[in-house]
Amino acid sequence: MLIRDAVMRNKVLVAVLGICLCGLARAENLVVGGDFEGPVVKDGEPYEVNVTPTGWAGTGDLVKQEYAGAVDSGNGKQWFDLNPGMEAGNGIMQSVHLTAGITYTFSFRYNGGGGGSTSAIAYQVGDLVGGSVSTADMNVYGGTAWKTWRVTFTAKVTGAADVRFVPNGKHAGGFIDAVEIHAGGEG
């Protein structure tokens, strides 16, 4: 009887511990390639222009961390410049699947890199989240630390939603990294 009770207590303890650990686990990132680690910039090259990053449609420049003294984004070995070849780009997009009634957190790291000029990029997740962020809004001029922009939203319908980033023009300075959408609270 004592052994059976001890076994039952241990099973309950393991079950409760498992539930607690699952609650602490981070939800899967719905964005594919939001870290901009692919394709890998060639050895000996600081960046690659007019590249379509893994998981995305559209082009821009993939840049190695700390290129030309730029501040490291704090995420992986590469980041993404929305202005391919220093021209006004069309931006990048991909579709993610959202479920109605679920709350999501959308976030990305941003640095204008504009060398002191004010620039902005536009962002959008379907018709649920949209706007722009600028170097002035976040005080992320060239040589300053990257900052994270984050918002929480609840999906209205189940289905695909396009995630988009668009630069505001030539030499706009739209550097992004660590693009994430997680179900639940903070990602």
Foldseek 3Di string as FASTA:
>chain_A
DVVVVVVVVVVVVVVVVVVVVVVVDFFDFQQPCQQQPPPPDDPPDQKDFQDAGPRKPWGFMKGFACVPNFHGQPGDGIWTWQAGPLWFTFWIKHKGWAAAFWKKKWKKKKAQQLQPDKWKKWKDWAPWDIDMDICVNVVRYTPDHIDMDMDMTGDHHTGITMITMGTPTGSRRTIIRDTGMGTDDDD
